[in-house]
Amino acid sequence: MKFDLNKSIELLEKTPVILESFLENLSNDWLKSNEGEKLGVHMIFLDILYLVKKPIG
């Protein structure tokens, strides 16, 4: 598939909703776990949100 910025944005815009559906109703054991300084669920989620909301250009 040839890269298309608009199609990429289309996919990334859905990412927060998809992640929310994966994470809702999980126990704190899952949500508060940390596999290293920047590998906890919260940090990964924040990194993805930052990338989705970051202006292009």
C-alpha atoms as a PDB file:
ATOM      1  CA  MET A   1       0.000   0.000   0.000  1.00  0.00           C
ATOM      2  CA  LYS A   2       1.354   3.397  -0.934  1.00  0.00           C
ATOM      3  CA  PHE A   3       1.568   5.852   1.971  1.00  0.00           C
ATOM      4  CA  ASP A   4      -1.277   8.373   2.049  1.00  0.00           C
ATOM      5  CA  LEU A   5      -1.233  10.972   4.821  1.00  0.00           C
ATOM      6  CA  ASN A   6      -5.009  11.413   4.846  1.00  0.00           C
ATOM      7  CA  LYS A   7      -5.589   7.672   5.185  1.00  0.00           C
ATOM      8  CA  SER A   8      -3.028   7.545   8.004  1.00  0.00           C
ATOM      9  CA  ILE A   9      -4.808  10.347   9.861  1.00  0.00           C
ATOM     10  CA  GLU A  10      -8.098   8.532   9.329  1.00  0.00           C
ATOM     11  CA  LEU A  11      -6.672   5.523  11.161  1.00  0.00           C
ATOM     12  CA  LEU A  12      -4.909   7.480  13.911  1.00  0.00           C
ATOM     13  CA  GLU A  13      -8.052   9.433  14.746  1.00  0.00           C
ATOM     14  CA  LYS A  14      -9.697   6.162  15.785  1.00  0.00           C
ATOM     15  CA  THR A  15      -6.813   5.147  18.048  1.00  0.00           C
ATOM     16  CA  PRO A  16      -8.029   6.829  21.276  1.00  0.00           C
ATOM     17  CA  VAL A  17     -11.478   5.207  20.996  1.00  0.00           C
ATOM     18  CA  ILE A  18      -9.945   1.805  20.319  1.00  0.00           C
ATOM     19  CA  LEU A  19      -7.530   2.109  23.244  1.00  0.00           C
ATOM     20  CA  GLU A  20     -10.308   3.228  25.556  1.00  0.00           C
ATOM     21  CA  SER A  21     -12.336   0.151  24.651  1.00  0.00           C
ATOM     22  CA  PHE A  22      -9.324  -2.076  25.383  1.00  0.00           C
ATOM     23  CA  LEU A  23      -8.587  -0.435  28.734  1.00  0.00           C
ATOM     24  CA  GLU A  24     -12.037   0.157  30.215  1.00  0.00           C
ATOM     25  CA  ASN A  25     -13.003  -2.055  33.132  1.00  0.00           C
ATOM     26  CA  LEU A  26      -9.504  -3.476  33.579  1.00  0.00           C
ATOM     27  CA  SER A  27      -8.216  -3.954  37.097  1.00  0.00           C
ATOM     28  CA  ASN A  28      -5.548  -1.699  38.571  1.00  0.00           C
ATOM     29  CA  ASP A  29      -3.141  -4.631  38.307  1.00  0.00           C
ATOM     30  CA  TRP A  30      -3.201  -4.083  34.546  1.00  0.00           C
ATOM     31  CA  LEU A  31      -3.592  -0.327  34.515  1.00  0.00           C
ATOM     32  CA  LYS A  32      -0.956   0.496  37.126  1.00  0.00           C
ATOM     33  CA  SER A  33       1.672  -2.012  36.027  1.00  0.00           C
ATOM     34  CA  ASN A  34       4.979  -0.627  34.846  1.00  0.00           C
ATOM     35  CA  GLU A  35       7.549  -2.496  32.798  1.00  0.00           C
ATOM     36  CA  GLY A  36      10.107   0.282  32.982  1.00  0.00           C
ATOM     37  CA  GLU A  37      10.397   4.038  33.188  1.00  0.00           C
ATOM     38  CA  LYS A  38       8.326   4.738  30.065  1.00  0.00           C
ATOM     39  CA  LEU A  39       6.525   1.459  29.470  1.00  0.00           C
ATOM     40  CA  GLY A  40       3.530   1.772  31.756  1.00  0.00           C
ATOM     41  CA  VAL A  41       0.052   1.835  30.208  1.00  0.00           C
ATOM     42  CA  HIS A  42      -0.398   5.510  31.080  1.00  0.00           C
ATOM     43  CA  MET A  43       2.848   6.608  29.421  1.00  0.00           C
ATOM     44  CA  ILE A  44       2.182   4.605  26.272  1.00  0.00           C
ATOM     45  CA  PHE A  45      -1.364   5.963  26.067  1.00  0.00           C
ATOM     46  CA  LEU A  46      -0.153   9.548  26.563  1.00  0.00           C
ATOM     47  CA  ASP A  47       2.525   9.089  23.895  1.00  0.00           C
ATOM     48  CA  ILE A  48      -0.075   7.874  21.402  1.00  0.00           C
ATOM     49  CA  LEU A  49      -2.452  10.725  22.225  1.00  0.00           C
ATOM     50  CA  TYR A  50       0.385  13.194  21.762  1.00  0.00           C
ATOM     51  CA  LEU A  51       1.195  11.764  18.344  1.00  0.00           C
ATOM     52  CA  VAL A  52      -2.452  11.790  17.264  1.00  0.00           C
ATOM     53  CA  LYS A  53      -2.969  15.417  18.342  1.00  0.00           C
ATOM     54  CA  LYS A  54       0.426  16.703  17.154  1.00  0.00           C
ATOM     55  CA  PRO A  55       0.117  19.114  14.212  1.00  0.00           C
ATOM     56  CA  ILE A  56       1.646  17.768  11.034  1.00  0.00           C
ATOM     57  CA  GLY A  57       4.356  19.787   9.379  1.00  0.00           C
END
